[in-house]
């Protein structure tokens, strides 16, 4: 074989072997890349499942026997409703003459402050209120989990934030309270879960949750009436 032919053949053979080696290394890298991706996906999936299960277990422990505990709390509220400062008010959705009334058909009210107003809102009105809503006591919240509020820390008429709400747009228990309040009243309203969200959960509120609202009625007005901007006292 001539030297030129030998070099050409030898060079071509070396190039072929080099290309094969490169191809093998590339395929090997691809295999390891896929393995790493699969491992990462497996770890992420199981971490997510573990976190989800952990959160679910924590929630179950926090609100264990929740319906039973809330119903027992309603019965205790009812036994205390025998004074001027702590009284029960029948929901606006039922008549006092109804034969099937239970403790869950009433809200239970503590009067924290009495206002100077003489009129109460009606169903079609809009109210301006300051409020804080919480649940009954649970494992981690001795005063009840606060799920919504317009002010922080202790209530102060001069600094508390407000919300404008349609009387017809709130849960039955809250609505019942508003229909009986006067301007300047501040009440602590205990609402059995059938007059709240019932057997349905709502955002951070579990199903079968009694609701406790501190409500301060700042103002209210009828449809079509104008009202001024909110001013602190």
C-alpha atoms as a PDB file:
ATOM      1  CA  UNK A   1       0.000   0.000   0.000  1.00  0.00           C
ATOM      2  CA  UNK A   2       1.293   3.396  -0.894  1.00  0.00           C
ATOM      3  CA  UNK A   3       2.079   5.789   1.927  1.00  0.00           C
ATOM      4  CA  UNK A   4      -0.586   8.230   0.785  1.00  0.00           C
ATOM      5  CA  UNK A   5      -3.241   5.498   0.782  1.00  0.00           C
ATOM      6  CA  UNK A   6      -2.097   4.251   4.176  1.00  0.00           C
ATOM      7  CA  UNK A   7      -2.310   7.702   5.720  1.00  0.00           C
ATOM      8  CA  UNK A   8      -5.700   8.302   4.187  1.00  0.00           C
ATOM      9  CA  UNK A   9      -7.053   4.973   5.412  1.00  0.00           C
ATOM     10  CA  UNK A  10      -5.484   5.299   8.838  1.00  0.00           C
ATOM     11  CA  UNK A  11      -6.717   8.868   9.248  1.00  0.00           C
ATOM     12  CA  UNK A  12     -10.214   7.948   8.180  1.00  0.00           C
ATOM     13  CA  UNK A  13     -10.274   5.019  10.606  1.00  0.00           C
ATOM     14  CA  UNK A  14      -9.112   7.209  13.487  1.00  0.00           C
ATOM     15  CA  UNK A  15     -11.721   9.826  12.651  1.00  0.00           C
ATOM     16  CA  UNK A  16     -14.422   7.136  12.628  1.00  0.00           C
ATOM     17  CA  UNK A  17     -13.346   5.779  15.990  1.00  0.00           C
ATOM     18  CA  UNK A  18     -13.181   9.307  17.438  1.00  0.00           C
ATOM     19  CA  UNK A  19     -16.666  10.124  16.147  1.00  0.00           C
ATOM     20  CA  UNK A  20     -17.988   6.888  17.635  1.00  0.00           C
ATOM     21  CA  UNK A  21     -16.403   7.678  21.006  1.00  0.00           C
ATOM     22  CA  UNK A  22     -17.835  11.185  20.989  1.00  0.00           C
ATOM     23  CA  UNK A  23     -21.271   9.817  20.100  1.00  0.00           C
ATOM     24  CA  UNK A  24     -21.100   7.313  22.971  1.00  0.00           C
ATOM     25  CA  UNK A  25     -20.107  10.020  25.451  1.00  0.00           C
ATOM     26  CA  UNK A  26     -22.938  12.245  24.206  1.00  0.00           C
ATOM     27  CA  UNK A  27     -25.493   9.462  24.603  1.00  0.00           C
ATOM     28  CA  UNK A  28     -24.125   8.668  28.054  1.00  0.00           C
ATOM     29  CA  UNK A  29     -24.541  12.316  29.091  1.00  0.00           C
ATOM     30  CA  UNK A  30     -28.108  12.310  27.746  1.00  0.00           C
ATOM     31  CA  UNK A  31     -28.920   9.202  29.781  1.00  0.00           C
ATOM     32  CA  UNK A  32     -27.547  10.782  32.969  1.00  0.00           C
ATOM     33  CA  UNK A  33     -29.383  14.029  32.228  1.00  0.00           C
ATOM     34  CA  UNK A  34     -32.688  12.159  31.915  1.00  0.00           C
ATOM     35  CA  UNK A  35     -31.951  10.243  35.110  1.00  0.00           C
ATOM     36  CA  UNK A  36     -31.295  13.480  36.957  1.00  0.00           C
ATOM     37  CA  UNK A  37     -34.481  15.040  35.586  1.00  0.00           C
ATOM     38  CA  UNK A  38     -36.539  12.000  36.590  1.00  0.00           C
ATOM     39  CA  UNK A  39     -35.000  11.972  40.080  1.00  0.00           C
ATOM     40  CA  UNK A  40     -35.689  15.683  40.454  1.00  0.00           C
ATOM     41  CA  UNK A  41     -39.304  15.270  39.337  1.00  0.00           C
ATOM     42  CA  UNK A  42     -39.764  12.297  41.698  1.00  0.00           C
ATOM     43  CA  UNK A  43     -38.336  14.259  44.624  1.00  0.00           C
ATOM     44  CA  UNK A  44     -40.457  17.327  43.860  1.00  0.00           C
ATOM     45  CA  UNK A  45     -43.639  15.268  43.550  1.00  0.00           C
ATOM     46  CA  UNK A  46     -43.061  13.419  46.793  1.00  0.00           C
ATOM     47  CA  UNK A  47     -42.028  16.592  48.622  1.00  0.00           C
ATOM     48  CA  UNK A  48     -45.253  18.229  47.441  1.00  0.00           C
ATOM     49  CA  UNK A  49     -47.296  15.241  48.544  1.00  0.00           C
ATOM     50  CA  UNK A  50     -45.553  15.201  51.900  1.00  0.00           C
ATOM     51  CA  UNK A  51     -46.144  18.929  52.418  1.00  0.00           C
ATOM     52  CA  UNK A  52     -49.783  18.607  51.371  1.00  0.00           C
ATOM     53  CA  UNK A  53     -50.355  15.679  53.720  1.00  0.00           C
ATOM     54  CA  UNK A  54     -48.550  17.504  56.519  1.00  0.00           C
ATOM     55  CA  UNK A  55     -50.690  20.630  56.084  1.00  0.00           C
ATOM     56  CA  UNK A  56     -53.859  18.534  55.910  1.00  0.00           C
ATOM     57  CA  UNK A  57     -52.946  16.679  59.098  1.00  0.00           C
ATOM     58  CA  UNK A  58     -52.177  19.966  60.871  1.00  0.00           C
ATOM     59  CA  UNK A  59     -55.551  21.404  59.836  1.00  0.00           C
ATOM     60  CA  UNK A  60     -57.351  18.274  61.023  1.00  0.00           C
ATOM     61  CA  UNK A  61     -55.630  18.484  64.402  1.00  0.00           C
ATOM     62  CA  UNK A  62     -56.359  22.201  64.723  1.00  0.00           C
ATOM     63  CA  UNK A  63     -60.075  21.736  64.086  1.00  0.00           C
ATOM     64  CA  UNK A  64     -60.641  18.217  65.398  1.00  0.00           C
ATOM     65  CA  UNK A  65     -64.311  17.396  66.191  1.00  0.00           C
ATOM     66  CA  UNK A  66     -65.076  20.875  64.903  1.00  0.00           C
ATOM     67  CA  UNK A  67     -68.811  20.528  64.275  1.00  0.00           C
ATOM     68  CA  UNK A  68     -69.404  18.951  67.671  1.00  0.00           C
ATOM     69  CA  UNK A  69     -67.321  21.599  69.435  1.00  0.00           C
ATOM     70  CA  UNK A  70     -69.141  24.450  67.711  1.00  0.00           C
ATOM     71  CA  UNK A  71     -72.559  23.017  68.499  1.00  0.00           C
ATOM     72  CA  UNK A  72     -71.554  22.645  72.150  1.00  0.00           C
ATOM     73  CA  UNK A  73     -70.362  26.253  72.161  1.00  0.00           C
ATOM     74  CA  UNK A  74     -73.726  27.424  70.787  1.00  0.00           C
ATOM     75  CA  UNK A  75     -75.533  25.635  73.621  1.00  0.00           C
ATOM     76  CA  UNK A  76     -73.287  27.361  76.170  1.00  0.00           C
ATOM     77  CA  UNK A  77     -73.980  30.736  74.566  1.00  0.00           C
ATOM     78  CA  UNK A  78     -77.694  30.049  74.893  1.00  0.00           C
ATOM     79  CA  UNK A  79     -77.510  29.322  78.624  1.00  0.00           C
ATOM     80  CA  UNK A  80     -75.872  32.708  79.253  1.00  0.00           C
ATOM     81  CA  UNK A  81     -78.411  34.764  77.304  1.00  0.00           C
ATOM     82  CA  UNK A  82     -80.482  35.955  80.240  1.00  0.00           C
ATOM     83  CA  UNK A  83     -79.344  39.506  80.954  1.00  0.00           C
ATOM     84  CA  UNK A  84     -79.505  42.983  79.444  1.00  0.00           C
ATOM     85  CA  UNK A  85     -75.828  43.004  78.502  1.00  0.00           C
ATOM     86  CA  UNK A  86     -75.870  39.505  77.046  1.00  0.00           C
ATOM     87  CA  UNK A  87     -78.984  38.617  75.104  1.00  0.00           C
ATOM     88  CA  UNK A  88     -80.200  36.533  72.214  1.00  0.00           C
ATOM     89  CA  UNK A  89     -81.848  37.851  69.053  1.00  0.00           C
ATOM     90  CA  UNK A  90     -83.830  35.674  66.668  1.00  0.00           C
ATOM     91  CA  UNK A  91     -82.555  35.551  63.095  1.00  0.00           C
ATOM     92  CA  UNK A  92     -84.474  37.820  60.739  1.00  0.00           C
ATOM     93  CA  UNK A  93     -85.174  34.799  58.532  1.00  0.00           C
ATOM     94  CA  UNK A  94     -87.621  33.202  61.020  1.00  0.00           C
ATOM     95  CA  UNK A  95     -90.757  34.190  62.880  1.00  0.00           C
ATOM     96  CA  UNK A  96     -90.847  34.013  66.667  1.00  0.00           C
ATOM     97  CA  UNK A  97     -94.006  31.927  66.394  1.00  0.00           C
ATOM     98  CA  UNK A  98     -92.191  29.124  64.569  1.00  0.00           C
ATOM     99  CA  UNK A  99     -92.471  25.779  66.365  1.00  0.00           C
ATOM    100  CA  UNK A 100     -89.093  24.345  65.383  1.00  0.00           C
ATOM    101  CA  UNK A 101     -86.756  27.014  66.768  1.00  0.00           C
ATOM    102  CA  UNK A 102     -83.407  25.879  68.157  1.00  0.00           C
ATOM    103  CA  UNK A 103     -80.424  27.581  69.777  1.00  0.00           C
ATOM    104  CA  UNK A 104     -78.893  27.919  66.317  1.00  0.00           C
ATOM    105  CA  UNK A 105     -81.706  30.223  65.199  1.00  0.00           C
ATOM    106  CA  UNK A 106     -80.421  33.033  67.422  1.00  0.00           C
ATOM    107  CA  UNK A 107     -77.394  35.256  67.599  1.00  0.00           C
ATOM    108  CA  UNK A 108     -75.977  35.976  71.044  1.00  0.00           C
ATOM    109  CA  UNK A 109     -74.923  39.544  71.705  1.00  0.00           C
ATOM    110  CA  UNK A 110     -72.699  41.269  74.233  1.00  0.00           C
ATOM    111  CA  UNK A 111     -73.148  45.037  74.228  1.00  0.00           C
ATOM    112  CA  UNK A 112     -69.680  46.552  74.546  1.00  0.00           C
ATOM    113  CA  UNK A 113     -70.770  50.161  73.973  1.00  0.00           C
ATOM    114  CA  UNK A 114     -74.166  51.776  73.522  1.00  0.00           C
ATOM    115  CA  UNK A 115     -74.531  54.406  70.818  1.00  0.00           C
ATOM    116  CA  UNK A 116     -76.696  57.520  70.800  1.00  0.00           C
ATOM    117  CA  UNK A 117     -78.582  56.619  67.621  1.00  0.00           C
ATOM    118  CA  UNK A 118     -82.286  55.801  67.711  1.00  0.00           C
ATOM    119  CA  UNK A 119     -82.761  54.180  64.290  1.00  0.00           C
ATOM    120  CA  UNK A 120     -81.495  50.882  62.911  1.00  0.00           C
ATOM    121  CA  UNK A 121     -80.470  49.998  59.360  1.00  0.00           C
ATOM    122  CA  UNK A 122     -82.942  48.160  57.162  1.00  0.00           C
ATOM    123  CA  UNK A 123     -82.235  45.280  54.800  1.00  0.00           C
ATOM    124  CA  UNK A 124     -81.658  47.478  51.724  1.00  0.00           C
ATOM    125  CA  UNK A 125     -79.294  49.895  53.485  1.00  0.00           C
ATOM    126  CA  UNK A 126     -75.545  50.217  53.350  1.00  0.00           C
ATOM    127  CA  UNK A 127     -73.592  50.339  56.603  1.00  0.00           C
ATOM    128  CA  UNK A 128     -70.168  51.665  57.521  1.00  0.00           C
ATOM    129  CA  UNK A 129     -68.660  49.409  60.167  1.00  0.00           C
ATOM    130  CA  UNK A 130     -65.446  48.525  61.885  1.00  0.00           C
ATOM    131  CA  UNK A 131     -65.217  44.851  62.695  1.00  0.00           C
ATOM    132  CA  UNK A 132     -63.062  41.899  63.667  1.00  0.00           C
ATOM    133  CA  UNK A 133     -64.130  38.336  62.924  1.00  0.00           C
ATOM    134  CA  UNK A 134     -62.744  35.222  64.590  1.00  0.00           C
ATOM    135  CA  UNK A 135     -63.539  31.585  65.287  1.00  0.00           C
ATOM    136  CA  UNK A 136     -64.050  29.858  68.608  1.00  0.00           C
ATOM    137  CA  UNK A 137     -61.023  28.634  70.526  1.00  0.00           C
ATOM    138  CA  UNK A 138     -58.913  25.994  68.789  1.00  0.00           C
ATOM    139  CA  UNK A 139     -55.667  24.146  69.470  1.00  0.00           C
ATOM    140  CA  UNK A 140     -53.349  27.027  68.506  1.00  0.00           C
ATOM    141  CA  UNK A 141     -55.642  30.023  69.073  1.00  0.00           C
ATOM    142  CA  UNK A 142     -56.824  30.496  72.645  1.00  0.00           C
ATOM    143  CA  UNK A 143     -58.855  33.585  71.643  1.00  0.00           C
ATOM    144  CA  UNK A 144     -59.983  32.129  68.326  1.00  0.00           C
ATOM    145  CA  UNK A 145     -58.387  32.444  64.904  1.00  0.00           C
ATOM    146  CA  UNK A 146     -58.896  35.949  63.435  1.00  0.00           C
ATOM    147  CA  UNK A 147     -59.970  35.522  59.810  1.00  0.00           C
ATOM    148  CA  UNK A 148     -60.867  39.119  58.937  1.00  0.00           C
ATOM    149  CA  UNK A 149     -60.627  42.599  60.474  1.00  0.00           C
ATOM    150  CA  UNK A 150     -60.632  46.282  59.616  1.00  0.00           C
ATOM    151  CA  UNK A 151     -58.355  47.299  62.494  1.00  0.00           C
ATOM    152  CA  UNK A 152     -55.388  45.976  64.442  1.00  0.00           C
ATOM    153  CA  UNK A 153     -54.762  45.800  68.173  1.00  0.00           C
ATOM    154  CA  UNK A 154     -57.412  47.214  70.523  1.00  0.00           C
ATOM    155  CA  UNK A 155     -60.429  48.964  69.065  1.00  0.00           C
ATOM    156  CA  UNK A 156     -60.393  52.748  68.969  1.00  0.00           C
ATOM    157  CA  UNK A 157     -63.153  54.808  67.338  1.00  0.00           C
ATOM    158  CA  UNK A 158     -60.579  57.403  66.244  1.00  0.00           C
ATOM    159  CA  UNK A 159     -58.213  55.062  64.429  1.00  0.00           C
ATOM    160  CA  UNK A 160     -60.164  51.945  63.445  1.00  0.00           C
ATOM    161  CA  UNK A 161     -60.483  51.226  59.755  1.00  0.00           C
ATOM    162  CA  UNK A 162     -63.942  50.833  58.230  1.00  0.00           C
ATOM    163  CA  UNK A 163     -65.751  48.902  55.536  1.00  0.00           C
ATOM    164  CA  UNK A 164     -68.925  49.853  53.664  1.00  0.00           C
ATOM    165  CA  UNK A 165     -71.164  46.792  53.411  1.00  0.00           C
ATOM    166  CA  UNK A 166     -74.612  46.080  52.008  1.00  0.00           C
ATOM    167  CA  UNK A 167     -76.781  44.789  54.845  1.00  0.00           C
ATOM    168  CA  UNK A 168     -78.210  42.239  52.408  1.00  0.00           C
ATOM    169  CA  UNK A 169     -74.740  41.072  51.387  1.00  0.00           C
ATOM    170  CA  UNK A 170     -73.496  39.573  54.647  1.00  0.00           C
ATOM    171  CA  UNK A 171     -74.230  36.235  56.351  1.00  0.00           C
ATOM    172  CA  UNK A 172     -77.562  35.923  58.153  1.00  0.00           C
ATOM    173  CA  UNK A 173     -76.122  36.287  61.640  1.00  0.00           C
ATOM    174  CA  UNK A 174     -74.192  39.454  60.790  1.00  0.00           C
ATOM    175  CA  UNK A 175     -77.249  40.834  58.980  1.00  0.00           C
ATOM    176  CA  UNK A 176     -79.476  40.110  61.989  1.00  0.00           C
ATOM    177  CA  UNK A 177     -77.096  42.064  64.216  1.00  0.00           C
ATOM    178  CA  UNK A 178     -77.020  45.074  61.880  1.00  0.00           C
ATOM    179  CA  UNK A 179     -80.816  45.194  61.691  1.00  0.00           C
ATOM    180  CA  UNK A 180     -80.917  45.641  65.474  1.00  0.00           C
ATOM    181  CA  UNK A 181     -77.983  47.996  66.040  1.00  0.00           C
ATOM    182  CA  UNK A 182     -77.995  51.770  66.375  1.00  0.00           C
ATOM    183  CA  UNK A 183     -75.361  54.198  65.213  1.00  0.00           C
ATOM    184  CA  UNK A 184     -72.536  54.225  67.742  1.00  0.00           C
ATOM    185  CA  UNK A 185     -73.271  50.737  69.087  1.00  0.00           C
ATOM    186  CA  UNK A 186     -70.397  48.303  69.474  1.00  0.00           C
ATOM    187  CA  UNK A 187     -71.384  44.688  69.902  1.00  0.00           C
ATOM    188  CA  UNK A 188     -69.707  41.327  70.217  1.00  0.00           C
ATOM    189  CA  UNK A 189     -71.901  39.038  68.167  1.00  0.00           C
ATOM    190  CA  UNK A 190     -71.772  35.253  68.546  1.00  0.00           C
ATOM    191  CA  UNK A 191     -73.131  33.558  65.430  1.00  0.00           C
ATOM    192  CA  UNK A 192     -73.946  29.809  65.277  1.00  0.00           C
ATOM    193  CA  UNK A 193     -72.625  28.220  62.112  1.00  0.00           C
ATOM    194  CA  UNK A 194     -76.085  27.748  60.466  1.00  0.00           C
ATOM    195  CA  UNK A 195     -76.337  31.560  60.452  1.00  0.00           C
ATOM    196  CA  UNK A 196     -72.777  31.845  59.121  1.00  0.00           C
ATOM    197  CA  UNK A 197     -71.353  29.702  56.334  1.00  0.00           C
ATOM    198  CA  UNK A 198     -73.058  26.504  57.480  1.00  0.00           C
ATOM    199  CA  UNK A 199     -71.543  23.236  56.301  1.00  0.00           C
ATOM    200  CA  UNK A 200     -69.374  24.973  53.685  1.00  0.00           C
ATOM    201  CA  UNK A 201     -65.821  26.212  54.146  1.00  0.00           C
ATOM    202  CA  UNK A 202     -64.970  29.757  53.153  1.00  0.00           C
ATOM    203  CA  UNK A 203     -61.354  30.708  52.472  1.00  0.00           C
ATOM    204  CA  UNK A 204     -59.612  30.133  55.849  1.00  0.00           C
ATOM    205  CA  UNK A 205     -62.885  29.390  57.660  1.00  0.00           C
ATOM    206  CA  UNK A 206     -63.566  25.653  58.050  1.00  0.00           C
ATOM    207  CA  UNK A 207     -67.034  24.203  57.593  1.00  0.00           C
ATOM    208  CA  UNK A 208     -69.301  24.193  60.676  1.00  0.00           C
ATOM    209  CA  UNK A 209     -67.610  27.267  62.145  1.00  0.00           C
ATOM    210  CA  UNK A 210     -69.371  29.538  64.598  1.00  0.00           C
ATOM    211  CA  UNK A 211     -68.355  33.143  64.000  1.00  0.00           C
ATOM    212  CA  UNK A 212     -67.612  35.809  66.598  1.00  0.00           C
ATOM    213  CA  UNK A 213     -67.670  39.413  65.379  1.00  0.00           C
ATOM    214  CA  UNK A 214     -66.863  42.616  67.202  1.00  0.00           C
ATOM    215  CA  UNK A 215     -68.917  45.157  65.237  1.00  0.00           C
ATOM    216  CA  UNK A 216     -68.936  48.932  65.636  1.00  0.00           C
ATOM    217  CA  UNK A 217     -71.675  50.678  63.633  1.00  0.00           C
ATOM    218  CA  UNK A 218     -70.195  53.959  62.433  1.00  0.00           C
ATOM    219  CA  UNK A 219     -72.953  55.022  60.047  1.00  0.00           C
ATOM    220  CA  UNK A 220     -75.610  53.797  57.622  1.00  0.00           C
ATOM    221  CA  UNK A 221     -77.696  55.191  54.773  1.00  0.00           C
ATOM    222  CA  UNK A 222     -80.618  54.284  52.546  1.00  0.00           C
ATOM    223  CA  UNK A 223     -80.426  53.590  48.797  1.00  0.00           C
ATOM    224  CA  UNK A 224     -80.061  56.794  46.790  1.00  0.00           C
ATOM    225  CA  UNK A 225     -78.875  58.850  49.771  1.00  0.00           C
ATOM    226  CA  UNK A 226     -75.538  60.600  49.659  1.00  0.00           C
ATOM    227  CA  UNK A 227     -73.082  60.278  52.486  1.00  0.00           C
ATOM    228  CA  UNK A 228     -69.879  62.075  53.322  1.00  0.00           C
ATOM    229  CA  UNK A 229     -66.360  60.746  53.432  1.00  0.00           C
ATOM    230  CA  UNK A 230     -65.430  58.823  56.545  1.00  0.00           C
ATOM    231  CA  UNK A 231     -63.976  60.997  59.290  1.00  0.00           C
ATOM    232  CA  UNK A 232     -62.486  59.714  62.521  1.00  0.00           C
ATOM    233  CA  UNK A 233     -64.141  60.923  65.678  1.00  0.00           C
END
